[in-house]
Amino acid sequence: MTVERALRLAAGLVTLISLALAYYVSPYWLWLTAFVGLNLLQSAFTNWCPAMVIFRAMGMKDATCATTSQPQPRAASR
């Protein structure tokens, strides 16, 4: 599992758990849902999230892009 996939998994789990806690325990748990959403929003712009540091410390690798270094030849047009 890559850091990016683990981050999405953790964010989804924390969001669902906090929604369940807000329904069954207290609506104040919705603050945790808002925190996860804001954290995902800022990480979209900065490409950094505190959970990423933890996942990398656990030995997870970053996702790699499987592109070639040379452009592919184009087919001849008729």
C-alpha atoms as a PDB file:
ATOM      1  CA  MET A   1       0.000   0.000   0.000  1.00  0.00           C
ATOM      2  CA  THR A   2       1.248   3.456  -0.861  1.00  0.00           C
ATOM      3  CA  VAL A   3       1.202   6.571   1.312  1.00  0.00           C
ATOM      4  CA  GLU A   4      -1.469   8.177  -0.865  1.00  0.00           C
ATOM      5  CA  ARG A   5      -3.821   5.180  -0.665  1.00  0.00           C
ATOM      6  CA  ALA A   6      -3.299   4.852   3.089  1.00  0.00           C
ATOM      7  CA  LEU A   7      -4.068   8.553   3.490  1.00  0.00           C
ATOM      8  CA  ARG A   8      -7.369   8.216   1.618  1.00  0.00           C
ATOM      9  CA  LEU A   9      -8.223   5.101   3.621  1.00  0.00           C
ATOM     10  CA  ALA A  10      -7.484   6.775   6.952  1.00  0.00           C
ATOM     11  CA  ALA A  11      -9.419   9.939   6.015  1.00  0.00           C
ATOM     12  CA  GLY A  12     -12.438   7.899   4.962  1.00  0.00           C
ATOM     13  CA  LEU A  13     -12.383   5.784   8.112  1.00  0.00           C
ATOM     14  CA  VAL A  14     -11.998   8.757  10.457  1.00  0.00           C
ATOM     15  CA  THR A  15     -14.817  10.581   8.660  1.00  0.00           C
ATOM     16  CA  LEU A  16     -17.205   7.626   8.923  1.00  0.00           C
ATOM     17  CA  ILE A  17     -16.287   6.968  12.560  1.00  0.00           C
ATOM     18  CA  SER A  18     -16.760  10.621  13.491  1.00  0.00           C
ATOM     19  CA  LEU A  19     -20.153  10.696  11.764  1.00  0.00           C
ATOM     20  CA  ALA A  20     -21.246   7.613  13.706  1.00  0.00           C
ATOM     21  CA  LEU A  21     -20.012   9.175  16.952  1.00  0.00           C
ATOM     22  CA  ALA A  22     -21.869  12.394  16.143  1.00  0.00           C
ATOM     23  CA  TYR A  23     -25.085  10.449  15.591  1.00  0.00           C
ATOM     24  CA  TYR A  24     -24.848   8.164  18.622  1.00  0.00           C
ATOM     25  CA  VAL A  25     -22.809  10.183  21.161  1.00  0.00           C
ATOM     26  CA  SER A  26     -22.632  13.914  20.583  1.00  0.00           C
ATOM     27  CA  PRO A  27     -22.892  16.309  17.622  1.00  0.00           C
ATOM     28  CA  TYR A  28     -19.587  17.834  18.719  1.00  0.00           C
ATOM     29  CA  TRP A  29     -17.873  14.931  16.948  1.00  0.00           C
ATOM     30  CA  LEU A  30     -18.695  16.726  13.686  1.00  0.00           C
ATOM     31  CA  TRP A  31     -15.712  18.973  14.459  1.00  0.00           C
ATOM     32  CA  LEU A  32     -13.489  15.960  13.762  1.00  0.00           C
ATOM     33  CA  THR A  33     -15.218  15.510  10.396  1.00  0.00           C
ATOM     34  CA  ALA A  34     -14.588  19.190   9.614  1.00  0.00           C
ATOM     35  CA  PHE A  35     -10.932  18.841  10.645  1.00  0.00           C
ATOM     36  CA  VAL A  36     -10.437  15.888   8.287  1.00  0.00           C
ATOM     37  CA  GLY A  37     -12.078  17.794   5.440  1.00  0.00           C
ATOM     38  CA  LEU A  38      -9.987  20.910   6.006  1.00  0.00           C
ATOM     39  CA  ASN A  39      -6.826  18.829   6.283  1.00  0.00           C
ATOM     40  CA  LEU A  40      -7.592  17.131   2.951  1.00  0.00           C
ATOM     41  CA  LEU A  41      -8.295  20.516   1.391  1.00  0.00           C
ATOM     42  CA  GLN A  42      -4.980  22.015   2.484  1.00  0.00           C
ATOM     43  CA  SER A  43      -3.079  18.872   1.477  1.00  0.00           C
ATOM     44  CA  ALA A  44      -4.474  19.203  -2.045  1.00  0.00           C
ATOM     45  CA  PHE A  45      -2.613  22.508  -2.350  1.00  0.00           C
ATOM     46  CA  THR A  46       0.516  21.771  -0.301  1.00  0.00           C
ATOM     47  CA  ASN A  47       0.938  18.020  -0.939  1.00  0.00           C
ATOM     48  CA  TRP A  48       1.662  17.590   2.789  1.00  0.00           C
ATOM     49  CA  CYS A  49      -0.394  16.052   5.559  1.00  0.00           C
ATOM     50  CA  PRO A  50       0.682  15.021   9.082  1.00  0.00           C
ATOM     51  CA  ALA A  51      -0.564  11.486   8.444  1.00  0.00           C
ATOM     52  CA  MET A  52       1.832  11.177   5.486  1.00  0.00           C
ATOM     53  CA  VAL A  53       4.790  11.585   7.853  1.00  0.00           C
ATOM     54  CA  ILE A  54       3.445   8.759  10.017  1.00  0.00           C
ATOM     55  CA  PHE A  55       2.802   6.461   7.059  1.00  0.00           C
ATOM     56  CA  ARG A  56       6.300   7.060   5.675  1.00  0.00           C
ATOM     57  CA  ALA A  57       7.771   6.315   9.126  1.00  0.00           C
ATOM     58  CA  MET A  58       5.848   3.024   9.020  1.00  0.00           C
ATOM     59  CA  GLY A  59       7.770   2.164   5.837  1.00  0.00           C
ATOM     60  CA  MET A  60       5.158   2.903   3.196  1.00  0.00           C
ATOM     61  CA  LYS A  61       6.385   4.157  -0.152  1.00  0.00           C
ATOM     62  CA  ASP A  62       5.090   7.063  -2.214  1.00  0.00           C
ATOM     63  CA  ALA A  63       3.182   6.286  -5.393  1.00  0.00           C
ATOM     64  CA  THR A  64       5.255   6.483  -8.551  1.00  0.00           C
ATOM     65  CA  CYS A  65       4.155   7.590 -11.964  1.00  0.00           C
ATOM     66  CA  ALA A  66       4.710   4.953 -14.640  1.00  0.00           C
ATOM     67  CA  THR A  67       5.547   7.212 -17.556  1.00  0.00           C
ATOM     68  CA  THR A  68       8.271   6.730 -20.099  1.00  0.00           C
ATOM     69  CA  SER A  69      11.144   9.159 -20.345  1.00  0.00           C
ATOM     70  CA  GLN A  70      10.862   9.432 -24.141  1.00  0.00           C
ATOM     71  CA  PRO A  71       7.777  10.492 -26.068  1.00  0.00           C
ATOM     72  CA  GLN A  72       5.991   7.780 -27.993  1.00  0.00           C
ATOM     73  CA  PRO A  73       6.084   8.032 -31.800  1.00  0.00           C
ATOM     74  CA  ARG A  74       2.848   9.196 -33.395  1.00  0.00           C
ATOM     75  CA  ALA A  75       1.088   7.139 -35.986  1.00  0.00           C
ATOM     76  CA  ALA A  76       1.285   8.520 -39.501  1.00  0.00           C
ATOM     77  CA  SER A  77      -1.879  10.348 -40.526  1.00  0.00           C
ATOM     78  CA  ARG A  78      -3.410   9.700 -43.914  1.00  0.00           C
END
